[in-house]
Amino acid sequence: MSFFANFNGPKAEQWRREWFGQPKRDFLAGMVVALALIPEAIAFSIIAGVDPQVGLYASFCIAVVIAFLGGRPGMISAATGAMALLMVTLVRDHGLEYLFAASLLTGILQIGMGFIKFGNLMSFVSRSVVTGFVNALAILIFMAQLPELQNVTWHVYAMTLAGLGIIYLFPLIPKIGQSIPSPLVCILVLTGLTMLVGLDIRTVGDMGELPTSIPGLHWPGVPFTFETLQIIFPYAFGLAVVGLLESMMTATIVDDLTDTGSDKNQECRGQGVANIASSLLGGMAGCAMIGQSVINVKSGGRGRLSTLTAGLLLLVMVVFMRDWVAQIPMAALVAVMIMVSIGTFDWRSIKNLQAYPLSTNIVMLSTVVVVVWTHNLALGVGVGVLLAALFFANKISHFMFVEVEKPSSAERLYTVHGQVFFNTADKLKAQFDFKEALDRVVIDVHQAHFWDISAVHALDMVVLKFIREGAEVEVVGLNQASATIVDRFGVHDKKEEIKKVLGEHSVVAGAE
């Protein structure tokens, strides 16, 4: 349900519920998310190899736009690690302006995907693929922190360990431990300690200039040529697919947490508009954030106001507190990102390796390996979905079999059981004995279902072979769905061809 909806009747009531159903709780939850977004937005900018202001502007813009146009109230979208990882090579090889252009194209592609119902494709992504996706994302985020821990003094390691201690121990403190995000406490404490002691370690200010004002309109400074499109399209397509995949999975998680539904295709279009706006305001492409969305829901946020509050307060704090933000030590951000990777990884999946079927484990591990090896989340998900489909098809094929009855020496009744499709078509043909001298053959398919042209072709071949051997063939028991596809593509279309070969031999083949 978008902001620009029909304000009459049920839609108006839904709009009021999504925006003002619980304004106080949504506002407070948005404040918590805004505080937690600052270190993550900066860290993701660093992963992408851009100035912190790029991620901060993107997080502000995407959160604000998606609050109005998204399909899932209460979900947080901003700059993310999954998207940042795909930008590294583009920024390194071609520069920041090409990133803005790629982000603009990403938004356009996502809007198009929304109109062609890309959100419906999530039903084909199995749980094992989702688990592999999440685990691979966690591993990549952790690996991205390793350069910050190489060739550094012991102070950096001590600060990182101290930051992890604060992150995991602070929530145990009664009352205040659950009211303030521990990553924010980690940032504040380590920043204060660095300034107090005067430690000479890298800070956010060393990485680039923080914003001094609200973002202004910025058109990507690249030549609008076919060569430019060749450069940015592969990145934009990967960003679009990965962004929507992560957004759809996040929406599904929030749906479960809140026991409410969401419009996945509207979310696709909303993400597209948000990324276009982000690129035109000097930000990078982003998507929904699993961690921040869960924080928002756990803090009481359910409506669009929580997402809007998070985006607006993020910009206010960054612009008016930039001098403090510049003092944040990189070690603190490393600790936060390690926490994110640990929290993102599905540790139960390791234990489940012993309990789950081998095929499920192969799908999950293959997704992880491909993503980590290629740093391409979309490719990993594609491989996982393909393997899951192949394993499923193979499993279903084992349940297809044919029983044979002999009413008389010259008559056979074949009863087909199970699902007949491309993977079982050859198996179906192999179940019949065409060498017997028979007068009549009845093929009973009331316990079978024919799914595709391969299945229909297999049935055709069975019928034709029996006819060539001089038998009268009758196919009985086709259900309505199977009969439709058989009538359209099956033996009926070949009657004239059969007559030319066999003369006026009687053929009875059809649906009852």
Protein backbone atom coordinates (compact mmCIF):
# COMPACT_ATOMS: atom_id res chain seq x y z
CA MET A 1 0.00 0.00 0.00
CA SER A 2 1.75 3.20 -1.11
CA PHE A 3 1.41 6.73 0.21
CA PHE A 4 -0.22 7.83 -3.02
CA ALA A 5 -3.22 5.57 -2.59
CA ASN A 6 -6.88 6.18 -2.95
CA PHE A 7 -7.84 7.92 0.28
CA ASN A 8 -11.41 6.66 0.25
CA GLY A 9 -12.91 3.65 2.00
CA PRO A 10 -10.81 0.65 3.06
CA LYS A 11 -7.64 2.01 1.46
CA ALA A 12 -7.84 5.17 3.52
CA GLU A 13 -8.27 3.12 6.67
CA GLN A 14 -5.27 0.98 5.74
CA TRP A 15 -3.20 4.12 5.06
CA ARG A 16 -4.08 5.58 8.47
CA ARG A 17 -3.30 2.27 10.18
CA GLU A 18 0.08 1.95 8.48
CA TRP A 19 1.12 5.51 9.29
CA PHE A 20 -0.60 6.43 12.53
CA GLY A 21 -1.67 3.14 14.09
CA GLN A 22 0.83 3.59 16.96
CA PRO A 23 2.77 6.85 16.37
CA LYS A 24 4.56 6.95 19.74
CA ARG A 25 5.97 3.44 19.54
CA ASP A 26 6.91 3.87 15.88
CA PHE A 27 8.72 7.14 16.62
CA LEU A 28 10.71 5.64 19.50
CA ALA A 29 11.57 2.56 17.46
CA GLY A 30 12.71 4.81 14.61
CA MET A 31 15.03 6.65 16.99
CA VAL A 32 16.67 3.39 18.04
CA VAL A 33 17.13 2.34 14.41
CA ALA A 34 18.58 5.73 13.44
CA LEU A 35 21.21 5.45 16.17
CA ALA A 36 22.12 1.94 15.08
CA LEU A 37 22.22 2.90 11.39
CA ILE A 38 25.07 5.40 11.71
CA PRO A 39 27.95 2.96 12.27
CA GLU A 40 26.58 0.48 9.75
CA ALA A 41 26.08 3.07 7.01
CA ILE A 42 29.64 4.30 7.50
CA ALA A 43 31.03 0.78 7.56
CA PHE A 44 29.18 -0.24 4.39
CA SER A 45 30.50 2.87 2.65
CA ILE A 46 34.01 1.82 3.56
CA ILE A 47 33.37 -1.69 2.25
CA ALA A 48 32.30 -0.19 -1.08
CA GLY A 49 35.39 2.03 -1.15
CA VAL A 50 33.54 5.37 -1.04
CA ASP A 51 33.35 8.28 1.37
CA PRO A 52 31.13 7.74 4.43
CA GLN A 53 28.77 10.47 3.27
CA VAL A 54 27.76 8.33 0.27
CA GLY A 55 26.41 5.58 2.52
CA LEU A 56 24.89 8.04 4.97
CA TYR A 57 23.08 9.99 2.23
CA ALA A 58 21.90 6.70 0.74
CA SER A 59 20.59 5.40 4.06
CA PHE A 60 18.73 8.65 4.73
CA CYS A 61 17.21 8.85 1.26
CA ILE A 62 16.29 5.20 0.84
CA ALA A 63 14.68 4.97 4.28
CA VAL A 64 12.59 8.10 3.68
CA VAL A 65 11.43 7.12 0.19
CA ILE A 66 10.67 3.51 1.07
CA ALA A 67 8.59 4.67 4.02
CA PHE A 68 6.12 6.13 1.50
CA LEU A 69 6.40 3.70 -1.40
CA GLY A 70 7.42 0.35 0.08
CA GLY A 71 5.20 -2.68 0.25
CA ARG A 72 6.12 -3.70 3.82
CA PRO A 73 5.37 -1.28 6.71
CA GLY A 74 7.96 -1.35 9.46
CA MET A 75 10.80 -2.65 7.29
CA ILE A 76 14.07 -0.70 7.21
CA SER A 77 15.92 -0.11 3.94
CA ALA A 78 19.28 1.64 3.62
CA ALA A 79 22.83 1.07 2.41
CA THR A 80 23.71 -2.57 3.00
CA GLY A 81 26.72 -4.85 3.01
CA ALA A 82 25.30 -7.12 0.31
CA MET A 83 25.04 -4.20 -2.11
CA ALA A 84 28.34 -2.64 -1.03
CA LEU A 85 30.24 -5.81 -1.80
CA LEU A 86 29.08 -5.67 -5.42
CA MET A 87 30.28 -2.07 -5.80
CA VAL A 88 33.91 -2.55 -4.86
CA THR A 89 35.22 -3.40 -8.32
CA LEU A 90 33.15 -0.71 -10.06
CA VAL A 91 34.38 2.03 -7.73
CA ARG A 92 37.97 0.83 -7.90
CA ASP A 93 38.11 0.58 -11.69
CA HIS A 94 35.85 3.42 -12.81
CA GLY A 95 35.24 5.80 -9.92
CA LEU A 96 32.39 7.20 -7.87
CA GLU A 97 30.41 8.81 -10.69
CA TYR A 98 29.98 5.45 -12.37
CA LEU A 99 28.61 4.12 -9.08
CA PHE A 100 25.96 6.85 -9.12
CA ALA A 101 25.07 5.94 -12.70
CA ALA A 102 24.89 2.24 -11.84
CA SER A 103 22.69 3.01 -8.84
CA LEU A 104 20.35 5.03 -11.08
CA LEU A 105 20.11 2.15 -13.54
CA THR A 106 19.59 -0.25 -10.65
CA GLY A 107 16.49 1.65 -9.62
CA ILE A 108 15.12 1.66 -13.17
CA LEU A 109 15.64 -2.10 -13.46
CA GLN A 110 13.96 -2.71 -10.11
CA ILE A 111 10.89 -0.70 -11.10
CA GLY A 112 10.64 -2.80 -14.25
CA MET A 113 11.05 -6.00 -12.22
CA GLY A 114 8.26 -4.86 -9.95
CA PHE A 115 5.88 -4.45 -12.88
CA ILE A 116 6.72 -7.90 -14.25
CA LYS A 117 5.94 -9.42 -10.81
CA PHE A 118 9.51 -10.27 -9.79
CA GLY A 119 8.31 -10.61 -6.22
CA ASN A 120 6.32 -13.71 -7.18
CA LEU A 121 9.58 -15.50 -8.01
CA MET A 122 10.48 -15.68 -4.34
CA SER A 123 8.24 -18.73 -4.09
CA PHE A 124 10.88 -20.63 -6.08
CA VAL A 125 13.66 -19.86 -3.58
CA SER A 126 13.88 -22.75 -1.15
CA ARG A 127 14.79 -22.43 2.52
CA SER A 128 18.18 -24.06 1.91
CA VAL A 129 19.02 -21.38 -0.68
CA VAL A 130 17.97 -18.63 1.73
CA THR A 131 20.15 -20.15 4.44
CA GLY A 132 23.11 -20.35 2.06
CA PHE A 133 22.51 -16.76 0.99
CA VAL A 134 22.50 -15.50 4.56
CA ASN A 135 25.57 -17.52 5.54
CA ALA A 136 27.52 -16.35 2.50
CA LEU A 137 26.61 -12.74 3.24
CA ALA A 138 27.88 -13.15 6.79
CA ILE A 139 31.17 -14.63 5.59
CA LEU A 140 31.73 -11.86 3.05
CA ILE A 141 31.05 -9.15 5.62
CA PHE A 142 33.58 -10.76 7.96
CA MET A 143 36.18 -11.11 5.21
CA ALA A 144 35.75 -7.43 4.36
CA GLN A 145 36.97 -6.54 7.86
CA LEU A 146 40.26 -8.41 7.60
CA PRO A 147 42.21 -5.62 5.82
CA GLU A 148 41.52 -3.35 8.81
CA LEU A 149 43.19 -5.92 11.07
CA GLN A 150 46.36 -6.38 9.04
CA ASN A 151 49.63 -4.51 9.65
CA VAL A 152 48.23 -2.61 12.63
CA THR A 153 49.36 -2.03 16.21
CA TRP A 154 48.12 -4.00 19.17
CA HIS A 155 45.90 -1.08 20.12
CA VAL A 156 43.61 -1.91 17.19
CA TYR A 157 43.19 -5.51 18.31
CA ALA A 158 42.56 -4.41 21.89
CA MET A 159 39.98 -1.86 20.79
CA THR A 160 38.25 -4.41 18.56
CA LEU A 161 38.04 -6.96 21.36
CA ALA A 162 36.81 -4.29 23.76
CA GLY A 163 34.16 -3.29 21.24
CA LEU A 164 32.94 -6.87 20.90
CA GLY A 165 32.84 -7.15 24.69
CA ILE A 166 30.64 -4.06 24.94
CA ILE A 167 28.35 -5.24 22.14
CA TYR A 168 27.65 -8.60 23.74
CA LEU A 169 27.79 -7.69 27.43
CA PHE A 170 25.93 -4.37 27.48
CA PRO A 171 22.52 -5.95 26.69
CA LEU A 172 22.86 -7.97 29.91
CA ILE A 173 22.63 -4.82 32.03
CA PRO A 174 19.12 -4.56 33.53
CA LYS A 175 16.75 -1.94 32.14
CA ILE A 176 19.12 0.18 30.02
CA GLY A 177 20.76 -2.81 28.33
CA GLN A 178 17.71 -3.41 26.14
CA SER A 179 16.76 0.22 25.56
CA ILE A 180 19.96 1.40 23.84
CA PRO A 181 21.54 -0.48 20.91
CA SER A 182 24.81 -1.98 22.06
CA PRO A 183 26.59 -1.16 18.74
CA LEU A 184 25.91 2.52 19.44
CA VAL A 185 27.30 2.15 22.97
CA CYS A 186 30.38 0.48 21.47
CA ILE A 187 30.90 3.42 19.11
CA LEU A 188 30.43 6.03 21.83
CA VAL A 189 32.67 4.35 24.41
CA LEU A 190 35.53 3.56 22.04
CA THR A 191 35.35 7.01 20.46
CA GLY A 192 35.49 8.64 23.88
CA LEU A 193 38.38 6.40 24.91
CA THR A 194 40.32 7.21 21.75
CA MET A 195 39.90 10.96 22.27
CA LEU A 196 40.69 10.75 25.99
CA VAL A 197 43.85 8.67 25.67
CA GLY A 198 44.91 10.17 22.37
CA LEU A 199 45.42 6.88 20.55
CA ASP A 200 46.96 7.20 17.11
CA ILE A 201 44.72 4.86 15.19
CA ARG A 202 42.65 5.24 12.08
CA THR A 203 39.28 6.97 12.43
CA VAL A 204 36.32 7.59 10.18
CA GLY A 205 37.65 11.06 9.49
CA ASP A 206 40.71 9.52 7.87
CA MET A 207 38.50 7.76 5.34
CA GLY A 208 36.95 10.89 3.83
CA GLU A 209 34.85 13.96 4.47
CA LEU A 210 31.52 13.62 6.26
CA PRO A 211 28.54 15.61 4.99
CA THR A 212 28.19 19.21 6.14
CA SER A 213 24.68 19.78 4.82
CA ILE A 214 21.66 18.00 3.52
CA PRO A 215 22.23 16.35 0.13
CA GLY A 216 21.53 18.24 -3.07
CA LEU A 217 20.60 17.10 -6.55
CA HIS A 218 23.54 15.46 -8.31
CA TRP A 219 23.34 14.07 -11.82
CA PRO A 220 25.94 11.32 -12.46
CA GLY A 221 28.95 12.84 -14.18
CA VAL A 222 29.49 10.16 -16.81
CA PRO A 223 29.12 10.22 -20.58
CA PHE A 224 25.74 8.80 -21.54
CA THR A 225 27.02 6.47 -24.23
CA PHE A 226 26.71 2.81 -25.11
CA GLU A 227 30.19 2.24 -23.70
CA THR A 228 29.06 3.58 -20.34
CA LEU A 229 26.02 1.31 -20.43
CA GLN A 230 28.31 -1.67 -21.12
CA ILE A 231 30.30 -0.80 -18.01
CA ILE A 232 27.47 -0.19 -15.57
CA PHE A 233 24.80 -2.64 -16.75
CA PRO A 234 26.39 -5.83 -15.33
CA TYR A 235 26.82 -4.13 -11.96
CA ALA A 236 23.34 -2.56 -12.05
CA PHE A 237 21.68 -5.87 -12.92
CA GLY A 238 23.53 -7.65 -10.12
CA LEU A 239 22.64 -4.89 -7.66
CA ALA A 240 19.00 -4.95 -8.75
CA VAL A 241 18.65 -8.70 -8.33
CA VAL A 242 20.60 -8.93 -5.06
CA GLY A 243 18.78 -5.92 -3.63
CA LEU A 244 15.38 -7.36 -4.42
CA LEU A 245 16.32 -10.82 -3.20
CA GLU A 246 17.46 -9.48 0.14
CA SER A 247 14.45 -7.18 0.36
CA MET A 248 12.04 -10.01 -0.40
CA MET A 249 13.64 -12.27 2.18
CA THR A 250 13.60 -9.48 4.75
CA ALA A 251 9.93 -8.80 3.99
CA THR A 252 9.17 -12.48 4.54
CA ILE A 253 10.93 -12.40 7.92
CA VAL A 254 9.05 -9.28 9.02
CA ASP A 255 5.79 -10.82 7.78
CA ASP A 256 6.40 -13.75 10.12
CA LEU A 257 7.39 -11.54 13.05
CA THR A 258 4.34 -9.28 12.77
CA ASP A 259 1.85 -11.88 11.50
CA THR A 260 0.92 -9.55 8.64
CA GLY A 261 1.23 -9.66 4.88
CA SER A 262 3.11 -7.49 2.42
CA ASP A 263 3.05 -6.59 -1.25
CA LYS A 264 6.34 -7.95 -2.62
CA ASN A 265 5.91 -6.42 -6.08
CA GLN A 266 5.10 -3.01 -4.61
CA GLU A 267 8.27 -3.39 -2.55
CA CYS A 268 10.23 -4.01 -5.76
CA ARG A 269 8.91 -0.81 -7.30
CA GLY A 270 9.46 1.14 -4.09
CA GLN A 271 13.06 -0.05 -3.85
CA GLY A 272 13.58 1.08 -7.42
CA VAL A 273 12.29 4.60 -6.80
CA ALA A 274 14.35 4.80 -3.60
CA ASN A 275 17.56 3.84 -5.40
CA ILE A 276 16.91 6.35 -8.18
CA ALA A 277 16.41 9.07 -5.58
CA SER A 278 19.53 7.94 -3.71
CA SER A 279 21.71 8.12 -6.81
CA LEU A 280 20.41 11.61 -7.66
CA LEU A 281 21.28 12.81 -4.14
CA GLY A 282 24.83 11.46 -4.13
CA GLY A 283 24.11 8.10 -2.52
CA MET A 284 24.66 4.49 -3.49
CA ALA A 285 22.08 1.80 -4.11
CA GLY A 286 20.69 -0.06 -1.12
CA CYS A 287 17.99 -2.47 -0.09
CA ALA A 288 16.15 -3.80 2.95
CA MET A 289 18.25 -4.61 6.00
CA ILE A 290 17.49 -7.83 7.84
CA GLY A 291 19.23 -6.80 11.07
CA GLN A 292 17.81 -3.28 11.30
CA SER A 293 14.32 -4.44 10.36
CA VAL A 294 14.37 -6.97 13.18
CA ILE A 295 15.66 -4.28 15.58
CA ASN A 296 12.78 -2.03 14.53
CA VAL A 297 10.17 -4.73 15.06
CA LYS A 298 11.65 -5.81 18.39
CA SER A 299 11.64 -2.16 19.50
CA GLY A 300 7.92 -1.90 18.79
CA GLY A 301 8.00 -0.44 15.28
CA ARG A 302 5.18 -1.65 13.06
CA GLY A 303 4.25 1.27 10.82
CA ARG A 304 5.76 3.40 8.11
CA LEU A 305 6.40 6.21 10.59
CA SER A 306 9.21 4.18 12.19
CA THR A 307 11.04 3.91 8.86
CA LEU A 308 10.55 7.61 8.11
CA THR A 309 11.78 8.58 11.58
CA ALA A 310 14.90 6.44 11.19
CA GLY A 311 15.84 8.11 7.91
CA LEU A 312 15.21 11.70 9.00
CA LEU A 313 16.94 11.41 12.37
CA LEU A 314 19.94 9.74 10.73
CA LEU A 315 20.53 12.82 8.55
CA VAL A 316 20.00 15.23 11.45
CA MET A 317 22.55 13.48 13.64
CA VAL A 318 25.15 13.17 10.89
CA VAL A 319 24.92 16.77 9.70
CA PHE A 320 24.84 18.44 13.12
CA MET A 321 27.18 16.04 14.91
CA ARG A 322 29.70 15.44 12.14
CA ASP A 323 32.73 16.45 14.20
CA TRP A 324 31.96 13.72 16.70
CA VAL A 325 31.22 11.14 14.05
CA ALA A 326 34.61 11.85 12.40
CA GLN A 327 36.36 10.72 15.62
CA ILE A 328 34.92 7.21 15.50
CA PRO A 329 37.83 4.73 15.43
CA MET A 330 37.83 2.17 12.66
CA ALA A 331 38.33 -0.55 15.27
CA ALA A 332 34.88 0.21 16.62
CA LEU A 333 33.34 -0.22 13.18
CA VAL A 334 35.24 -3.46 12.70
CA ALA A 335 33.75 -4.72 15.97
CA VAL A 336 30.26 -3.71 14.84
CA MET A 337 30.64 -5.44 11.49
CA ILE A 338 32.01 -8.60 13.10
CA MET A 339 28.93 -8.58 15.30
CA VAL A 340 26.75 -8.16 12.22
CA SER A 341 28.43 -11.11 10.50
CA ILE A 342 28.12 -13.31 13.58
CA GLY A 343 24.49 -12.37 14.05
CA THR A 344 23.69 -12.86 10.37
CA PHE A 345 25.18 -16.35 10.10
CA ASP A 346 22.67 -19.14 10.68
CA TRP A 347 24.62 -21.23 13.19
CA ARG A 348 21.86 -23.83 13.34
CA SER A 349 22.63 -24.72 9.75
CA ILE A 350 25.91 -26.32 10.89
CA LYS A 351 24.11 -28.54 13.38
CA ASN A 352 21.43 -29.33 10.81
CA LEU A 353 24.01 -30.75 8.40
CA GLN A 354 23.68 -34.06 10.22
CA ALA A 355 19.89 -34.03 10.36
CA TYR A 356 18.96 -32.65 6.93
CA PRO A 357 18.99 -34.67 3.67
CA LEU A 358 22.18 -34.66 1.62
CA SER A 359 20.49 -32.79 -1.23
CA THR A 360 19.44 -29.96 1.10
CA ASN A 361 22.97 -29.65 2.46
CA ILE A 362 24.45 -29.62 -1.05
CA VAL A 363 22.13 -26.78 -2.09
CA MET A 364 23.00 -24.71 0.97
CA LEU A 365 26.75 -25.30 0.78
CA SER A 366 26.85 -24.73 -2.98
CA THR A 367 25.14 -21.38 -2.53
CA VAL A 368 27.69 -20.41 0.10
CA VAL A 369 30.70 -21.56 -1.95
CA VAL A 370 29.61 -19.84 -5.17
CA VAL A 371 28.81 -16.57 -3.41
CA VAL A 372 32.05 -16.48 -1.43
CA TRP A 373 34.12 -17.56 -4.43
CA THR A 374 32.61 -15.07 -6.88
CA HIS A 375 31.44 -12.36 -4.46
CA ASN A 376 28.21 -12.41 -6.46
CA LEU A 377 25.13 -13.07 -4.35
CA ALA A 378 22.82 -13.28 -7.36
CA LEU A 379 24.97 -15.95 -9.02
CA GLY A 380 25.05 -17.97 -5.83
CA VAL A 381 21.29 -17.81 -5.44
CA GLY A 382 20.85 -18.79 -9.08
CA VAL A 383 23.05 -21.86 -8.63
CA GLY A 384 21.20 -22.77 -5.44
CA VAL A 385 17.78 -22.47 -7.06
CA LEU A 386 18.92 -24.57 -10.04
CA LEU A 387 20.32 -27.32 -7.81
CA ALA A 388 17.21 -27.30 -5.63
CA ALA A 389 15.03 -27.70 -8.73
CA LEU A 390 17.15 -30.57 -10.04
CA PHE A 391 17.11 -32.39 -6.72
CA PHE A 392 13.37 -31.91 -6.43
CA ALA A 393 12.76 -33.22 -9.93
CA ASN A 394 14.96 -36.24 -9.22
CA LYS A 395 13.16 -36.94 -5.96
CA ILE A 396 9.71 -36.72 -7.53
CA SER A 397 10.78 -39.05 -10.34
CA HIS A 398 11.27 -41.91 -7.88
CA PHE A 399 7.55 -41.92 -7.10
CA MET A 400 6.50 -42.59 -10.71
CA PHE A 401 5.86 -46.25 -11.58
CA VAL A 402 3.56 -48.42 -13.72
CA GLU A 403 1.60 -51.47 -12.60
CA VAL A 404 0.70 -54.19 -15.12
CA GLU A 405 -2.40 -56.43 -15.03
CA LYS A 406 -3.23 -59.25 -17.48
CA PRO A 407 -7.02 -59.68 -17.87
CA SER A 408 -6.32 -62.14 -20.71
CA SER A 409 -3.44 -63.32 -22.83
CA ALA A 410 -4.19 -60.73 -25.52
CA GLU A 411 -5.06 -57.80 -23.24
CA ARG A 412 -3.01 -55.66 -20.87
CA LEU A 413 -4.01 -53.01 -18.30
CA TYR A 414 -1.23 -50.57 -17.45
CA THR A 415 -1.88 -48.28 -14.44
CA VAL A 416 0.43 -45.26 -14.23
CA HIS A 417 1.16 -43.76 -10.82
CA GLY A 418 2.87 -40.47 -9.95
CA GLN A 419 4.02 -37.34 -11.74
CA VAL A 420 4.95 -37.51 -15.40
CA PHE A 421 7.16 -34.68 -16.64
CA PHE A 422 10.47 -34.17 -18.44
CA ASN A 423 12.47 -36.12 -15.86
CA THR A 424 10.16 -39.15 -15.84
CA ALA A 425 9.16 -39.23 -19.51
CA ASP A 426 11.80 -41.79 -20.52
CA LYS A 427 11.12 -43.82 -17.40
CA LEU A 428 7.43 -43.97 -18.40
CA LYS A 429 8.21 -45.33 -21.86
CA ALA A 430 10.52 -47.96 -20.40
CA GLN A 431 7.71 -49.43 -18.28
CA PHE A 432 5.80 -50.87 -21.27
CA ASP A 433 6.51 -54.11 -23.15
CA PHE A 434 5.97 -53.40 -26.84
CA LYS A 435 7.11 -56.86 -28.01
CA GLU A 436 4.03 -58.68 -26.75
CA ALA A 437 1.43 -59.66 -29.35
CA LEU A 438 -1.67 -57.95 -27.96
CA ASP A 439 -5.11 -57.14 -29.27
CA ARG A 440 -6.02 -54.46 -26.74
CA VAL A 441 -4.10 -52.20 -24.36
CA VAL A 442 -5.69 -49.99 -21.71
CA ILE A 443 -3.52 -47.28 -20.14
CA ASP A 444 -5.12 -46.10 -16.89
CA VAL A 445 -3.69 -42.73 -15.77
CA HIS A 446 -6.23 -41.74 -13.11
CA GLN A 447 -3.46 -41.91 -10.48
CA ALA A 448 -0.99 -39.92 -12.59
CA HIS A 449 -0.60 -36.30 -13.65
CA PHE A 450 0.94 -35.07 -16.92
CA TRP A 451 2.74 -31.77 -16.52
CA ASP A 452 4.49 -30.78 -19.73
CA ILE A 453 5.03 -31.49 -23.41
CA SER A 454 7.72 -34.06 -22.62
CA ALA A 455 5.14 -36.07 -20.67
CA VAL A 456 2.59 -35.79 -23.48
CA HIS A 457 5.18 -36.82 -26.04
CA ALA A 458 6.06 -39.88 -23.94
CA LEU A 459 2.39 -40.89 -23.86
CA ASP A 460 2.18 -40.34 -27.63
CA MET A 461 5.12 -42.64 -28.23
CA VAL A 462 3.64 -45.36 -26.04
CA VAL A 463 0.32 -45.20 -27.89
CA LEU A 464 1.97 -45.11 -31.33
CA LYS A 465 4.24 -48.05 -30.61
CA PHE A 466 1.37 -50.22 -29.46
CA ILE A 467 -0.64 -49.21 -32.55
CA ARG A 468 2.24 -50.14 -34.82
CA GLU A 469 2.26 -53.56 -33.15
CA GLY A 470 -1.42 -53.96 -34.10
CA ALA A 471 -3.05 -53.29 -30.73
CA GLU A 472 -6.09 -51.16 -30.03
CA VAL A 473 -5.12 -48.56 -27.42
CA GLU A 474 -7.35 -46.78 -24.95
CA VAL A 475 -6.14 -44.11 -22.52
CA VAL A 476 -8.51 -43.66 -19.57
CA GLY A 477 -8.62 -41.68 -16.37
CA LEU A 478 -7.00 -38.41 -17.40
CA ASN A 479 -7.80 -35.70 -14.89
CA GLN A 480 -9.02 -32.38 -16.22
CA ALA A 481 -5.65 -30.62 -16.11
CA SER A 482 -3.82 -33.52 -17.75
CA ALA A 483 -6.58 -33.94 -20.33
CA THR A 484 -6.25 -30.31 -21.33
CA ILE A 485 -2.56 -30.55 -22.14
CA VAL A 486 -2.92 -33.97 -23.77
CA ASP A 487 -5.84 -32.81 -25.91
CA ARG A 488 -3.84 -29.79 -27.00
CA PHE A 489 -0.49 -31.40 -27.72
CA GLY A 490 -1.16 -35.10 -27.68
CA VAL A 491 -1.99 -37.97 -30.00
CA HIS A 492 -5.21 -36.35 -31.27
CA ASP A 493 -3.12 -33.96 -33.35
CA LYS A 494 -1.43 -36.96 -34.98
CA LYS A 495 -4.49 -39.01 -36.01
CA GLU A 496 -4.13 -38.18 -39.67
CA GLU A 497 -0.45 -39.01 -39.53
CA ILE A 498 -1.25 -42.32 -37.81
CA LYS A 499 -3.87 -43.21 -40.43
CA LYS A 500 -1.38 -42.64 -43.20
CA VAL A 501 0.94 -45.16 -41.58
CA LEU A 502 -1.63 -47.71 -40.39
CA GLY A 503 -4.52 -47.20 -42.77
CA GLU A 504 -7.95 -47.23 -41.16
CA HIS A 505 -6.85 -49.10 -38.04
CA SER A 506 -9.06 -48.19 -35.11
CA VAL A 507 -7.43 -45.79 -32.62
CA VAL A 508 -9.08 -44.95 -29.34
CA ALA A 509 -6.90 -42.52 -27.40
CA GLY A 510 -8.23 -39.74 -25.30
CA ALA A 511 -9.67 -38.59 -22.05
CA GLU A 512 -12.64 -39.84 -20.13
